[in-house]
Protein backbone atom coordinates (compact mmCIF):
# COMPACT_ATOMS: atom_id res chain seq x y z
CA MET A 1 23.21 -55.45 -82.90
CA ALA A 2 24.69 -53.40 -85.73
CA VAL A 3 25.74 -49.75 -85.69
CA TYR A 4 25.19 -47.45 -88.67
CA SER A 5 27.02 -44.14 -89.04
CA VAL A 6 24.69 -41.29 -90.03
CA GLU A 7 25.89 -37.85 -91.17
CA VAL A 8 23.19 -35.18 -91.28
CA SER A 9 23.77 -31.87 -93.09
CA THR A 10 21.78 -28.71 -92.42
CA GLY A 11 21.50 -26.21 -95.25
CA ASN A 12 23.29 -22.89 -95.37
CA ARG A 13 20.10 -20.87 -95.89
CA LEU A 14 19.02 -18.16 -93.49
CA PHE A 15 17.21 -19.70 -90.45
CA ALA A 16 17.97 -23.25 -91.70
CA GLY A 17 18.83 -24.62 -88.24
CA THR A 18 16.50 -25.87 -85.53
CA SER A 19 16.47 -26.37 -81.78
CA ASP A 20 13.65 -28.95 -82.02
CA TYR A 21 14.08 -32.68 -81.51
CA VAL A 22 14.91 -34.53 -84.73
CA TYR A 23 14.75 -38.33 -84.90
CA VAL A 24 15.99 -40.73 -87.57
CA THR A 25 15.07 -44.33 -88.35
CA VAL A 26 16.94 -46.34 -91.00
CA VAL A 27 14.72 -48.79 -92.88
CA GLY A 28 16.21 -51.81 -94.62
CA ALA A 29 14.93 -54.88 -96.44
CA GLU A 30 15.44 -56.96 -93.28
CA GLY A 31 14.19 -54.59 -90.59
CA LEU A 32 14.56 -51.12 -89.14
CA SER A 33 16.86 -49.38 -86.72
CA GLU A 34 15.89 -47.90 -83.40
CA ARG A 35 14.30 -44.45 -83.57
CA THR A 36 17.31 -42.31 -82.68
CA LEU A 37 17.38 -38.74 -81.41
CA LEU A 38 19.99 -36.68 -83.28
CA ASN A 39 21.64 -35.09 -80.29
CA ASN A 40 25.33 -34.51 -79.75
CA TRP A 41 26.56 -32.09 -77.13
CA GLY A 42 26.33 -28.56 -78.48
CA ALA A 43 24.47 -27.04 -81.39
CA ASP A 44 23.79 -30.01 -83.67
CA LEU A 45 21.41 -28.93 -86.35
CA THR A 46 22.60 -25.39 -86.95
CA ARG A 47 22.97 -23.58 -90.26
CA GLY A 48 25.69 -25.01 -92.52
CA LYS A 49 26.75 -27.78 -90.11
CA THR A 50 27.09 -31.55 -90.52
CA GLY A 51 26.65 -33.79 -87.50
CA SER A 52 27.66 -37.44 -87.11
CA TYR A 53 25.53 -39.90 -85.17
CA ALA A 54 25.50 -43.62 -84.37
CA VAL A 55 22.23 -45.41 -85.09
CA GLN A 56 21.78 -48.91 -83.69
CA THR A 57 19.62 -51.83 -84.69
CA PRO A 58 17.64 -53.75 -82.08
CA ALA A 59 19.69 -56.32 -80.14
CA ALA A 60 18.49 -59.35 -82.14
CA THR A 61 19.12 -57.69 -85.53
CA VAL A 62 22.52 -58.26 -87.12
CA SER A 63 21.91 -56.26 -90.30
CA LEU A 64 19.13 -54.25 -91.92
CA GLY A 65 19.99 -55.66 -95.34
CA ASP A 66 19.80 -53.34 -98.34
CA LEU A 67 18.81 -49.85 -97.17
CA LEU A 68 15.44 -48.82 -98.59
CA LEU A 69 14.67 -45.49 -96.97
CA LEU A 70 15.33 -43.18 -94.10
CA ARG A 71 12.59 -41.71 -91.89
CA LEU A 72 13.01 -38.23 -90.33
CA GLU A 73 10.72 -36.90 -87.61
CA LYS A 74 10.71 -33.45 -86.00
CA ASP A 75 9.08 -32.80 -82.61
CA PRO A 76 8.89 -29.61 -80.54
CA PHE A 77 11.55 -28.80 -77.96
CA LEU A 78 9.75 -27.70 -74.80
CA LEU A 79 7.67 -24.59 -75.41
CA LEU A 80 9.92 -22.84 -77.90
CA PRO A 81 8.22 -21.27 -80.93
CA GLU A 82 8.08 -23.14 -84.26
CA ASP A 83 11.28 -23.20 -86.24
CA GLN A 84 11.51 -25.15 -89.47
CA TRP A 85 14.67 -27.06 -90.34
CA PHE A 86 16.28 -27.23 -93.79
CA CYS A 87 17.94 -30.63 -94.23
CA THR A 88 20.14 -30.97 -97.31
CA THR A 89 21.53 -34.51 -97.24
CA ILE A 90 21.96 -37.53 -95.02
CA VAL A 91 24.73 -40.05 -95.63
CA VAL A 92 24.49 -43.51 -94.03
CA THR A 93 27.49 -45.83 -93.77
CA THR A 94 26.61 -49.46 -93.04
CA PRO A 95 28.71 -51.78 -90.85
CA GLN A 96 29.90 -53.31 -94.17
CA ASP A 97 31.21 -49.83 -95.23
CA GLN A 98 28.56 -49.36 -97.91
CA VAL A 99 27.73 -45.65 -98.26
CA VAL A 100 24.17 -44.59 -99.15
CA LEU A 101 23.19 -40.98 -99.87
CA PHE A 102 19.69 -39.78 -98.94
CA PRO A 103 19.09 -36.38 -100.59
CA CYS A 104 16.52 -34.23 -98.82
CA HIS A 105 16.81 -30.53 -99.80
CA ARG A 106 13.58 -29.47 -98.06
CA TRP A 107 12.15 -27.65 -95.08
CA ILE A 108 10.76 -29.87 -92.33
CA SER A 109 8.19 -28.58 -89.82
CA ARG A 110 7.19 -29.71 -86.33
CA GLY A 111 5.20 -32.90 -86.23
CA GLN A 112 6.21 -33.73 -89.78
CA GLN A 113 7.50 -37.15 -90.78
CA VAL A 114 9.52 -37.40 -94.00
CA GLU A 115 10.65 -40.60 -95.72
CA LEU A 116 13.65 -40.34 -98.04
CA ARG A 117 14.82 -42.83 -100.64
CA GLY A 118 18.50 -43.54 -101.07
CA GLY A 119 20.24 -42.36 -104.20
CA PRO A 120 23.59 -42.81 -105.91
């Protein structure tokens, strides 16, 4: 099992934050990570904040290889009304200390799945 460090930044726009569930999956040339809920204690995905999360691979997977893309999913939190989330960037650090930037800069709605390619 390998652990990847994921830093997720929410934009500084008005109403950019969300209280919905947001999940991330890291996709590499040799497999994919577990679907991980981005949930630290407190207000994670609020306007202008960056949260750090640990994303693990399945037990039998040692490495994902070269990172190809990152999958974001947003699901409703209980019966709260719709609130979109503005994600700016996600930075993934591999167990080998390779840093990959996944620019997003878009609004994400409930039930939406977004796949981001890594950039320089």
